[in-house]
Protein backbone atom coordinates (compact mmCIF):
# COMPACT_ATOMS: atom_id res chain seq x y z
CA MET A 1 16.31 3.15 -3.49
CA ASN A 2 14.14 5.97 -4.77
CA VAL A 3 15.35 9.50 -4.17
CA PRO A 4 12.70 12.12 -3.34
CA ASP A 5 12.19 14.81 -5.97
CA PRO A 6 12.59 18.20 -4.24
CA ALA A 7 9.89 19.65 -6.50
CA ALA A 8 7.42 17.06 -5.23
CA GLY A 9 7.85 18.03 -1.57
CA SER A 10 7.89 14.98 0.69
CA PHE A 11 6.52 12.67 -2.01
CA THR A 12 8.66 9.95 -3.60
CA LYS A 13 8.00 8.21 -6.92
CA VAL A 14 7.65 4.50 -6.25
CA ALA A 15 6.11 3.12 -9.46
CA SER A 16 4.12 3.99 -12.53
CA GLU A 17 0.40 3.34 -12.97
CA ALA A 18 1.26 0.74 -15.62
CA ASP A 19 3.09 -1.27 -12.91
CA VAL A 20 -0.15 -1.70 -10.93
CA PRO A 21 -3.06 -2.61 -13.25
CA PRO A 22 -6.61 -2.49 -11.82
CA ASN A 23 -7.26 -4.96 -9.00
CA THR A 24 -3.61 -5.89 -8.49
CA LEU A 25 -1.00 -5.42 -5.78
CA LEU A 26 2.67 -4.48 -5.99
CA SER A 27 5.35 -4.54 -3.30
CA VAL A 28 7.91 -1.71 -3.45
CA GLU A 29 10.64 -0.51 -1.11
CA VAL A 30 11.22 3.08 -0.03
CA GLY A 31 14.47 3.10 1.89
CA ASP A 32 14.03 0.28 4.39
CA ILE A 33 10.22 0.41 4.35
CA LYS A 34 8.27 -2.21 2.40
CA VAL A 35 5.11 -0.70 0.93
CA CYS A 36 2.18 -2.43 -0.75
CA LEU A 37 0.55 -0.51 -3.61
CA ALA A 38 -2.99 -1.54 -4.43
CA ASN A 39 -5.07 -0.55 -7.43
CA ALA A 40 -8.73 -1.09 -6.51
CA ASP A 41 -10.73 -0.31 -9.65
CA GLY A 42 -8.45 2.60 -10.55
CA GLN A 43 -8.00 4.00 -7.02
CA ILE A 44 -4.40 3.67 -5.82
CA TYR A 45 -3.70 2.96 -2.14
CA ALA A 46 -0.40 2.57 -0.30
CA PHE A 47 0.13 0.87 3.05
CA LYS A 48 2.86 -0.97 4.91
CA ASP A 49 3.42 -4.37 3.32
CA ASN A 50 2.94 -6.46 6.42
CA CYS A 51 -0.06 -7.84 8.24
CA THR A 52 -0.15 -6.57 11.81
CA HIS A 53 -1.26 -10.02 13.01
CA ARG A 54 1.76 -12.13 11.98
CA ASP A 55 3.91 -9.92 9.71
CA PHE A 56 2.96 -11.69 6.44
CA PRO A 57 3.26 -9.58 3.23
CA LEU A 58 -0.08 -8.02 2.37
CA SER A 59 1.09 -7.79 -1.25
CA GLU A 60 0.40 -11.55 -1.37
CA GLY A 61 -3.23 -10.90 -0.39
CA ASP A 62 -6.51 -10.26 -2.16
CA ILE A 63 -8.43 -7.05 -2.84
CA GLU A 64 -12.15 -7.09 -2.07
CA ASP A 65 -14.62 -4.22 -1.60
CA GLY A 66 -12.04 -1.60 -0.57
CA THR A 67 -10.19 -4.00 1.71
CA ILE A 68 -7.04 -6.10 1.54
CA GLU A 69 -7.20 -9.63 2.92
CA CYS A 70 -4.09 -11.34 4.25
CA THR A 71 -3.91 -14.81 2.74
CA TRP A 72 -2.17 -16.34 5.74
CA HIS A 73 -4.92 -16.09 8.40
CA GLY A 74 -7.69 -14.06 6.70
CA ALA A 75 -7.19 -10.77 8.54
CA ARG A 76 -8.65 -7.87 6.61
CA PHE A 77 -7.87 -4.13 6.51
CA GLU A 78 -9.52 -1.07 4.94
CA MET A 79 -7.06 0.12 2.30
CA ALA A 80 -7.99 3.80 2.69
CA THR A 81 -7.58 3.99 6.48
CA GLY A 82 -5.60 0.88 7.47
CA ARG A 83 -8.29 -0.06 10.01
CA ALA A 84 -8.43 -3.77 10.83
CA THR A 85 -11.88 -5.05 9.90
CA ARG A 86 -11.55 -8.78 10.52
CA LEU A 87 -9.86 -10.88 13.17
CA PRO A 88 -7.30 -12.12 13.91
CA ALA A 89 -5.80 -8.65 13.26
CA ILE A 90 -6.76 -5.95 15.75
CA LYS A 91 -4.06 -3.33 15.04
CA PRO A 92 -4.34 -1.10 11.97
CA VAL A 93 -1.81 -1.21 9.17
CA GLN A 94 0.09 2.02 8.46
CA THR A 95 -1.13 3.86 5.36
CA PHE A 96 0.63 6.44 3.20
CA GLU A 97 -0.71 9.42 1.29
CA VAL A 98 -0.73 8.81 -2.48
CA ARG A 99 -0.54 11.13 -5.48
CA VAL A 100 -0.73 10.10 -9.12
CA GLU A 101 0.92 12.61 -11.45
CA ASN A 102 1.53 12.10 -15.17
CA GLY A 103 1.26 8.32 -14.77
CA ASP A 104 3.66 8.21 -11.81
CA ILE A 105 2.64 6.93 -8.36
CA LEU A 106 4.14 9.03 -5.56
CA ILE A 107 3.77 8.39 -1.83
CA ALA A 108 4.58 10.40 1.27
CA ILE A 109 6.78 8.67 3.83
CA ASP A 110 7.13 10.48 7.15
CA ASP A 111 10.68 10.83 8.41
């Protein structure tokens, strides 16, 4: 489990940029929350690592045009907002604020 750095406020280091090369996904755990990190052409996104349609890990999905596609049934979500953009999903996926500092990826998890 990662321990929050008091100097970073409510942000927790979850990985380094080297762990998530461009156009790849990485599943990490923060406490009991599974988070998917996505690097879409150098932009890092973080969202809950489960499809809201059938709870399949989004980290097994595919990145395309700012969206993540669940490989199980093809549901798609905007990575920046979590908004569901393709059926069968209708509920958004939870997103997390991301900071990249000195090669470290930090995310904010609300208590």
